[in-house]
Amino acid sequence: MTAALPTAAQTLELMRRRCTARSHASAPIPPDALASVLEAVRWAPSAANRQPWELVVISDPQIKQGLKAAFLEDAERYGPRYRTVSARQADLLLAPIVIAVCANDDTKSSFVNADEIGSDAQEELLLLTMGAAVQNLLLMATACGLTSTWLARPARLPAVRDLLAVKPSLRIVALVALGCGEAAPRPHEHARHPIADKVHEDRFGAVDGG
């Protein structure tokens, strides 16, 4: 028997519940929940179906401590405000699971009409694909009762690449921290712009000369 699909209201409620966690409990993540999160990435849409994602699942405490140290060391190059924000975020890299979401740059050359669309369009398609993959991951984490945080800044650090032994053809586009056992705060309605303010009929604005 085919399982009943979630209703539109249930799907929207799941999206509303997804929010960025500022901390994660230390309880271990159930293996079936982690498996579901990883499987969700597999079903993300991708340009030309190239599925360019590669995932590094990090649970080793020493590696996570290395991620934190690399992040804090890099922050020393910047001003006090940057260092303060980094210090608040650094412990997120010690969450029970951290997933490095990587993009395979080699797939860009195999896009349909890759030569004709040029390198800028190839890059755009790759990043759009990876954004969809991360969103699938975050939504499934929410559905599994996990907390999640999408971290972009430490993903760009050469020291993080070296620590994870990421091969040259791959680019780390995000680190996603996952926790279990600590409910994320429900987002307040006022934190989101009304969609009516962002929707435009047929054209964005008036036609010049009209």
C-alpha atoms as a PDB file:
ATOM      1  CA  MET A   1       0.000   0.000   0.000  1.00  0.00           C
ATOM      2  CA  THR A   2       1.314   3.427  -0.933  1.00  0.00           C
ATOM      3  CA  ALA A   3       1.884   5.690   2.061  1.00  0.00           C
ATOM      4  CA  ALA A   4      -0.279   8.785   2.208  1.00  0.00           C
ATOM      5  CA  LEU A   5       1.504  11.917   1.089  1.00  0.00           C
ATOM      6  CA  PRO A   6       1.558  14.917   3.423  1.00  0.00           C
ATOM      7  CA  THR A   7      -1.082  17.511   2.704  1.00  0.00           C
ATOM      8  CA  ALA A   8      -0.220  20.966   1.405  1.00  0.00           C
ATOM      9  CA  ALA A   9      -0.895  22.366   4.886  1.00  0.00           C
ATOM     10  CA  GLN A  10       1.437  19.814   6.492  1.00  0.00           C
ATOM     11  CA  THR A  11       4.173  20.562   3.972  1.00  0.00           C
ATOM     12  CA  LEU A  12       3.889  24.300   4.566  1.00  0.00           C
ATOM     13  CA  GLU A  13       3.946  23.756   8.325  1.00  0.00           C
ATOM     14  CA  LEU A  14       7.164  21.742   7.963  1.00  0.00           C
ATOM     15  CA  MET A  15       8.721  24.656   6.062  1.00  0.00           C
ATOM     16  CA  ARG A  16       7.569  27.072   8.762  1.00  0.00           C
ATOM     17  CA  ARG A  17       9.100  24.887  11.494  1.00  0.00           C
ATOM     18  CA  ARG A  18      12.514  24.810   9.834  1.00  0.00           C
ATOM     19  CA  CYS A  19      14.669  27.461  11.392  1.00  0.00           C
ATOM     20  CA  THR A  20      18.328  28.027  12.130  1.00  0.00           C
ATOM     21  CA  ALA A  21      19.375  26.548  15.470  1.00  0.00           C
ATOM     22  CA  ARG A  22      21.782  28.594  17.609  1.00  0.00           C
ATOM     23  CA  SER A  23      22.869  25.553  19.627  1.00  0.00           C
ATOM     24  CA  HIS A  24      22.558  21.777  19.491  1.00  0.00           C
ATOM     25  CA  ALA A  25      22.046  19.218  22.230  1.00  0.00           C
ATOM     26  CA  SER A  26      24.740  16.578  22.585  1.00  0.00           C
ATOM     27  CA  ALA A  27      22.387  13.586  22.272  1.00  0.00           C
ATOM     28  CA  PRO A  28      23.381  11.236  19.434  1.00  0.00           C
ATOM     29  CA  ILE A  29      21.412  11.369  16.209  1.00  0.00           C
ATOM     30  CA  PRO A  30      19.444   8.177  15.461  1.00  0.00           C
ATOM     31  CA  PRO A  31      20.929   6.307  12.477  1.00  0.00           C
ATOM     32  CA  ASP A  32      17.590   6.155  10.671  1.00  0.00           C
ATOM     33  CA  ALA A  33      17.183   9.925  10.949  1.00  0.00           C
ATOM     34  CA  LEU A  34      20.649  10.509   9.517  1.00  0.00           C
ATOM     35  CA  ALA A  35      19.929   8.058   6.705  1.00  0.00           C
ATOM     36  CA  SER A  36      16.744   9.968   5.832  1.00  0.00           C
ATOM     37  CA  VAL A  37      18.599  13.291   5.796  1.00  0.00           C
ATOM     38  CA  LEU A  38      21.225  11.924   3.413  1.00  0.00           C
ATOM     39  CA  GLU A  39      18.605  10.288   1.179  1.00  0.00           C
ATOM     40  CA  ALA A  40      16.784  13.622   0.922  1.00  0.00           C
ATOM     41  CA  VAL A  41      19.835  15.138  -0.763  1.00  0.00           C
ATOM     42  CA  ARG A  42      19.689  12.396  -3.397  1.00  0.00           C
ATOM     43  CA  TRP A  43      16.250  13.588  -4.502  1.00  0.00           C
ATOM     44  CA  ALA A  44      17.090  17.262  -4.893  1.00  0.00           C
ATOM     45  CA  PRO A  45      16.692  18.703  -8.402  1.00  0.00           C
ATOM     46  CA  SER A  46      19.972  19.235 -10.233  1.00  0.00           C
ATOM     47  CA  ALA A  47      20.971  20.950 -13.471  1.00  0.00           C
ATOM     48  CA  ALA A  48      21.018  18.383 -16.297  1.00  0.00           C
ATOM     49  CA  ASN A  49      20.529  15.725 -13.577  1.00  0.00           C
ATOM     50  CA  ARG A  50      24.275  15.782 -12.892  1.00  0.00           C
ATOM     51  CA  GLN A  51      23.788  15.296  -9.121  1.00  0.00           C
ATOM     52  CA  PRO A  52      27.080  17.058  -8.307  1.00  0.00           C
ATOM     53  CA  TRP A  53      26.882  16.658  -4.533  1.00  0.00           C
ATOM     54  CA  GLU A  54      29.366  14.795  -2.373  1.00  0.00           C
ATOM     55  CA  LEU A  55      28.773  14.616   1.384  1.00  0.00           C
ATOM     56  CA  VAL A  56      31.290  14.232   4.202  1.00  0.00           C
ATOM     57  CA  VAL A  57      29.542  13.113   7.400  1.00  0.00           C
ATOM     58  CA  ILE A  58      31.648  14.202  10.369  1.00  0.00           C
ATOM     59  CA  SER A  59      31.184  12.609  13.784  1.00  0.00           C
ATOM     60  CA  ASP A  60      34.812  12.335  14.968  1.00  0.00           C
ATOM     61  CA  PRO A  61      35.240  14.725  17.945  1.00  0.00           C
ATOM     62  CA  GLN A  62      38.854  15.485  17.017  1.00  0.00           C
ATOM     63  CA  ILE A  63      37.927  16.507  13.491  1.00  0.00           C
ATOM     64  CA  LYS A  64      35.115  18.699  14.806  1.00  0.00           C
ATOM     65  CA  GLN A  65      37.513  20.345  17.240  1.00  0.00           C
ATOM     66  CA  GLY A  66      39.801  20.952  14.265  1.00  0.00           C
ATOM     67  CA  LEU A  67      36.956  22.624  12.378  1.00  0.00           C
ATOM     68  CA  LYS A  68      36.291  24.910  15.337  1.00  0.00           C
ATOM     69  CA  ALA A  69      39.970  25.771  15.743  1.00  0.00           C
ATOM     70  CA  ALA A  70      40.357  26.571  12.030  1.00  0.00           C
ATOM     71  CA  PHE A  71      37.283  28.821  12.133  1.00  0.00           C
ATOM     72  CA  LEU A  72      38.475  30.742  15.185  1.00  0.00           C
ATOM     73  CA  GLU A  73      42.019  31.062  13.864  1.00  0.00           C
ATOM     74  CA  ASP A  74      40.743  32.542  10.602  1.00  0.00           C
ATOM     75  CA  ALA A  75      38.530  34.995  12.507  1.00  0.00           C
ATOM     76  CA  GLU A  76      41.612  36.528  14.120  1.00  0.00           C
ATOM     77  CA  ARG A  77      42.394  38.178  10.768  1.00  0.00           C
ATOM     78  CA  TYR A  78      39.292  40.379  11.059  1.00  0.00           C
ATOM     79  CA  GLY A  79      37.884  43.026  13.347  1.00  0.00           C
ATOM     80  CA  PRO A  80      36.314  42.631  16.812  1.00  0.00           C
ATOM     81  CA  ARG A  81      32.735  42.349  15.537  1.00  0.00           C
ATOM     82  CA  TYR A  82      33.630  39.528  13.143  1.00  0.00           C
ATOM     83  CA  ARG A  83      35.579  37.732  15.864  1.00  0.00           C
ATOM     84  CA  THR A  84      32.677  38.042  18.304  1.00  0.00           C
ATOM     85  CA  VAL A  85      30.187  36.573  15.835  1.00  0.00           C
ATOM     86  CA  SER A  86      32.610  33.768  14.983  1.00  0.00           C
ATOM     87  CA  ALA A  87      33.126  32.934  18.653  1.00  0.00           C
ATOM     88  CA  ARG A  88      29.353  32.597  19.100  1.00  0.00           C
ATOM     89  CA  GLN A  89      29.086  30.299  16.092  1.00  0.00           C
ATOM     90  CA  ALA A  90      32.177  28.164  16.634  1.00  0.00           C
ATOM     91  CA  ASP A  91      30.587  25.666  19.048  1.00  0.00           C
ATOM     92  CA  LEU A  92      28.024  24.806  16.361  1.00  0.00           C
ATOM     93  CA  LEU A  93      30.853  22.894  14.683  1.00  0.00           C
ATOM     94  CA  LEU A  94      30.878  20.545  17.692  1.00  0.00           C
ATOM     95  CA  ALA A  95      27.302  19.374  17.062  1.00  0.00           C
ATOM     96  CA  PRO A  96      26.726  15.587  17.089  1.00  0.00           C
ATOM     97  CA  ILE A  97      26.926  15.489  13.295  1.00  0.00           C
ATOM     98  CA  VAL A  98      28.380  18.025  10.871  1.00  0.00           C
ATOM     99  CA  ILE A  99      27.858  17.436   7.165  1.00  0.00           C
ATOM    100  CA  ALA A 100      30.189  19.037   4.651  1.00  0.00           C
ATOM    101  CA  VAL A 101      28.145  19.555   1.495  1.00  0.00           C
ATOM    102  CA  CYS A 102      30.510  19.578  -1.479  1.00  0.00           C
ATOM    103  CA  ALA A 103      29.975  20.392  -5.144  1.00  0.00           C
ATOM    104  CA  ASN A 104      31.833  18.590  -7.913  1.00  0.00           C
ATOM    105  CA  ASP A 105      33.109  21.327 -10.215  1.00  0.00           C
ATOM    106  CA  ASP A 106      33.918  18.760 -12.905  1.00  0.00           C
ATOM    107  CA  THR A 107      30.203  18.269 -13.579  1.00  0.00           C
ATOM    108  CA  LYS A 108      29.832  21.787 -14.991  1.00  0.00           C
ATOM    109  CA  SER A 109      31.511  20.855 -18.269  1.00  0.00           C
ATOM    110  CA  SER A 110      28.880  18.170 -18.863  1.00  0.00           C
ATOM    111  CA  PHE A 111      25.875  20.496 -18.632  1.00  0.00           C
ATOM    112  CA  VAL A 112      23.729  20.592 -21.742  1.00  0.00           C
ATOM    113  CA  ASN A 113      25.263  23.139 -24.149  1.00  0.00           C
ATOM    114  CA  ALA A 114      27.993  23.824 -21.593  1.00  0.00           C
ATOM    115  CA  ASP A 115      30.262  25.601 -24.089  1.00  0.00           C
ATOM    116  CA  GLU A 116      27.466  27.785 -25.410  1.00  0.00           C
ATOM    117  CA  ILE A 117      26.144  28.948 -22.048  1.00  0.00           C
ATOM    118  CA  GLY A 118      29.612  29.867 -20.763  1.00  0.00           C
ATOM    119  CA  SER A 119      31.324  29.605 -17.405  1.00  0.00           C
ATOM    120  CA  ASP A 120      29.171  32.161 -15.559  1.00  0.00           C
ATOM    121  CA  ALA A 121      25.958  30.289 -16.364  1.00  0.00           C
ATOM    122  CA  GLN A 122      27.605  26.973 -15.493  1.00  0.00           C
ATOM    123  CA  GLU A 123      28.585  28.351 -12.093  1.00  0.00           C
ATOM    124  CA  GLU A 124      25.072  29.684 -11.523  1.00  0.00           C
ATOM    125  CA  LEU A 125      23.498  26.322 -12.350  1.00  0.00           C
ATOM    126  CA  LEU A 126      25.873  24.496 -10.034  1.00  0.00           C
ATOM    127  CA  LEU A 127      25.155  26.809  -7.103  1.00  0.00           C
ATOM    128  CA  LEU A 128      21.390  26.661  -7.693  1.00  0.00           C
ATOM    129  CA  THR A 129      21.647  22.881  -7.632  1.00  0.00           C
ATOM    130  CA  MET A 130      23.622  22.872  -4.396  1.00  0.00           C
ATOM    131  CA  GLY A 131      21.169  25.276  -2.761  1.00  0.00           C
ATOM    132  CA  ALA A 132      18.352  22.861  -3.564  1.00  0.00           C
ATOM    133  CA  ALA A 133      20.351  19.982  -2.075  1.00  0.00           C
ATOM    134  CA  VAL A 134      20.981  21.869   1.172  1.00  0.00           C
ATOM    135  CA  GLN A 135      17.314  22.865   1.409  1.00  0.00           C
ATOM    136  CA  ASN A 136      16.235  19.235   1.025  1.00  0.00           C
ATOM    137  CA  LEU A 137      18.683  18.297   3.777  1.00  0.00           C
ATOM    138  CA  LEU A 138      17.379  20.987   6.141  1.00  0.00           C
ATOM    139  CA  LEU A 139      13.721  20.157   5.573  1.00  0.00           C
ATOM    140  CA  MET A 140      14.260  16.450   6.148  1.00  0.00           C
ATOM    141  CA  ALA A 141      16.214  17.233   9.306  1.00  0.00           C
ATOM    142  CA  THR A 142      13.197  19.187  10.554  1.00  0.00           C
ATOM    143  CA  ALA A 143      10.845  16.343   9.601  1.00  0.00           C
ATOM    144  CA  CYS A 144      13.044  13.939  11.621  1.00  0.00           C
ATOM    145  CA  GLY A 145      12.914  16.152  14.714  1.00  0.00           C
ATOM    146  CA  LEU A 146      16.503  17.332  14.340  1.00  0.00           C
ATOM    147  CA  THR A 147      17.920  20.809  14.825  1.00  0.00           C
ATOM    148  CA  SER A 148      20.026  22.219  12.009  1.00  0.00           C
ATOM    149  CA  THR A 149      22.320  25.120  11.205  1.00  0.00           C
ATOM    150  CA  TRP A 150      23.573  26.044   7.730  1.00  0.00           C
ATOM    151  CA  LEU A 151      27.126  27.439   8.050  1.00  0.00           C
ATOM    152  CA  ALA A 152      28.724  29.070   5.027  1.00  0.00           C
ATOM    153  CA  ARG A 153      31.784  30.913   6.360  1.00  0.00           C
ATOM    154  CA  PRO A 154      33.838  27.977   7.677  1.00  0.00           C
ATOM    155  CA  ALA A 155      33.044  26.040   4.489  1.00  0.00           C
ATOM    156  CA  ARG A 156      35.248  28.432   2.512  1.00  0.00           C
ATOM    157  CA  LEU A 157      38.396  27.981   4.588  1.00  0.00           C
ATOM    158  CA  PRO A 158      41.409  26.196   3.034  1.00  0.00           C
ATOM    159  CA  ALA A 159      42.219  24.711   6.459  1.00  0.00           C
ATOM    160  CA  VAL A 160      38.806  23.020   6.511  1.00  0.00           C
ATOM    161  CA  ARG A 161      39.439  21.547   3.056  1.00  0.00           C
ATOM    162  CA  ASP A 162      42.751  20.178   4.250  1.00  0.00           C
ATOM    163  CA  LEU A 163      41.271  18.766   7.441  1.00  0.00           C
ATOM    164  CA  LEU A 164      38.594  16.893   5.506  1.00  0.00           C
ATOM    165  CA  ALA A 165      41.000  15.810   2.737  1.00  0.00           C
ATOM    166  CA  VAL A 166      38.657  17.164   0.068  1.00  0.00           C
ATOM    167  CA  LYS A 167      39.990  16.471  -3.412  1.00  0.00           C
ATOM    168  CA  PRO A 168      40.732  19.411  -5.767  1.00  0.00           C
ATOM    169  CA  SER A 169      37.683  18.919  -7.996  1.00  0.00           C
ATOM    170  CA  LEU A 170      35.332  19.398  -5.040  1.00  0.00           C
ATOM    171  CA  ARG A 171      34.259  22.635  -3.403  1.00  0.00           C
ATOM    172  CA  ILE A 172      32.745  22.781   0.072  1.00  0.00           C
ATOM    173  CA  VAL A 173      29.676  24.988  -0.285  1.00  0.00           C
ATOM    174  CA  ALA A 174      28.220  24.516   3.203  1.00  0.00           C
ATOM    175  CA  LEU A 175      28.687  22.872   6.554  1.00  0.00           C
ATOM    176  CA  VAL A 176      25.410  21.771   8.125  1.00  0.00           C
ATOM    177  CA  ALA A 177      25.398  21.090  11.859  1.00  0.00           C
ATOM    178  CA  LEU A 178      22.770  18.649  13.119  1.00  0.00           C
ATOM    179  CA  GLY A 179      21.554  17.978  16.634  1.00  0.00           C
ATOM    180  CA  CYS A 180      18.846  15.961  18.374  1.00  0.00           C
ATOM    181  CA  GLY A 181      16.758  16.406  21.460  1.00  0.00           C
ATOM    182  CA  GLU A 182      16.545  20.197  21.585  1.00  0.00           C
ATOM    183  CA  ALA A 183      13.547  21.806  19.955  1.00  0.00           C
ATOM    184  CA  ALA A 184      14.359  24.742  17.725  1.00  0.00           C
ATOM    185  CA  PRO A 185      12.468  27.961  18.518  1.00  0.00           C
ATOM    186  CA  ARG A 186       9.414  28.518  16.354  1.00  0.00           C
ATOM    187  CA  PRO A 187       9.973  31.452  13.985  1.00  0.00           C
ATOM    188  CA  HIS A 188       7.889  34.514  14.670  1.00  0.00           C
ATOM    189  CA  GLU A 189       5.554  35.701  11.941  1.00  0.00           C
ATOM    190  CA  HIS A 190       6.974  39.226  12.113  1.00  0.00           C
ATOM    191  CA  ALA A 191      10.408  37.893  11.092  1.00  0.00           C
ATOM    192  CA  ARG A 192       9.104  37.198   7.585  1.00  0.00           C
ATOM    193  CA  HIS A 193       7.924  39.735   5.039  1.00  0.00           C
ATOM    194  CA  PRO A 194       4.319  39.185   3.905  1.00  0.00           C
ATOM    195  CA  ILE A 195       4.408  37.370   0.586  1.00  0.00           C
ATOM    196  CA  ALA A 196       2.014  39.958  -0.843  1.00  0.00           C
ATOM    197  CA  ASP A 197       4.871  42.470  -0.572  1.00  0.00           C
ATOM    198  CA  LYS A 198       7.070  40.230  -2.734  1.00  0.00           C
ATOM    199  CA  VAL A 199       4.655  39.092  -5.467  1.00  0.00           C
ATOM    200  CA  HIS A 200       4.193  41.031  -8.712  1.00  0.00           C
ATOM    201  CA  GLU A 201       1.579  40.414 -11.403  1.00  0.00           C
ATOM    202  CA  ASP A 202       2.867  39.826 -14.931  1.00  0.00           C
ATOM    203  CA  ARG A 203       5.591  42.496 -14.662  1.00  0.00           C
ATOM    204  CA  PHE A 204       7.703  43.787 -11.802  1.00  0.00           C
ATOM    205  CA  GLY A 205       6.780  47.405 -12.476  1.00  0.00           C
ATOM    206  CA  ALA A 206       5.226  49.808 -14.948  1.00  0.00           C
ATOM    207  CA  VAL A 207       6.470  49.715 -18.536  1.00  0.00           C
ATOM    208  CA  ASP A 208       8.527  52.801 -19.439  1.00  0.00           C
ATOM    209  CA  GLY A 209       6.471  55.284 -21.396  1.00  0.00           C
ATOM    210  CA  GLY A 210       3.218  53.622 -20.422  1.00  0.00           C
END
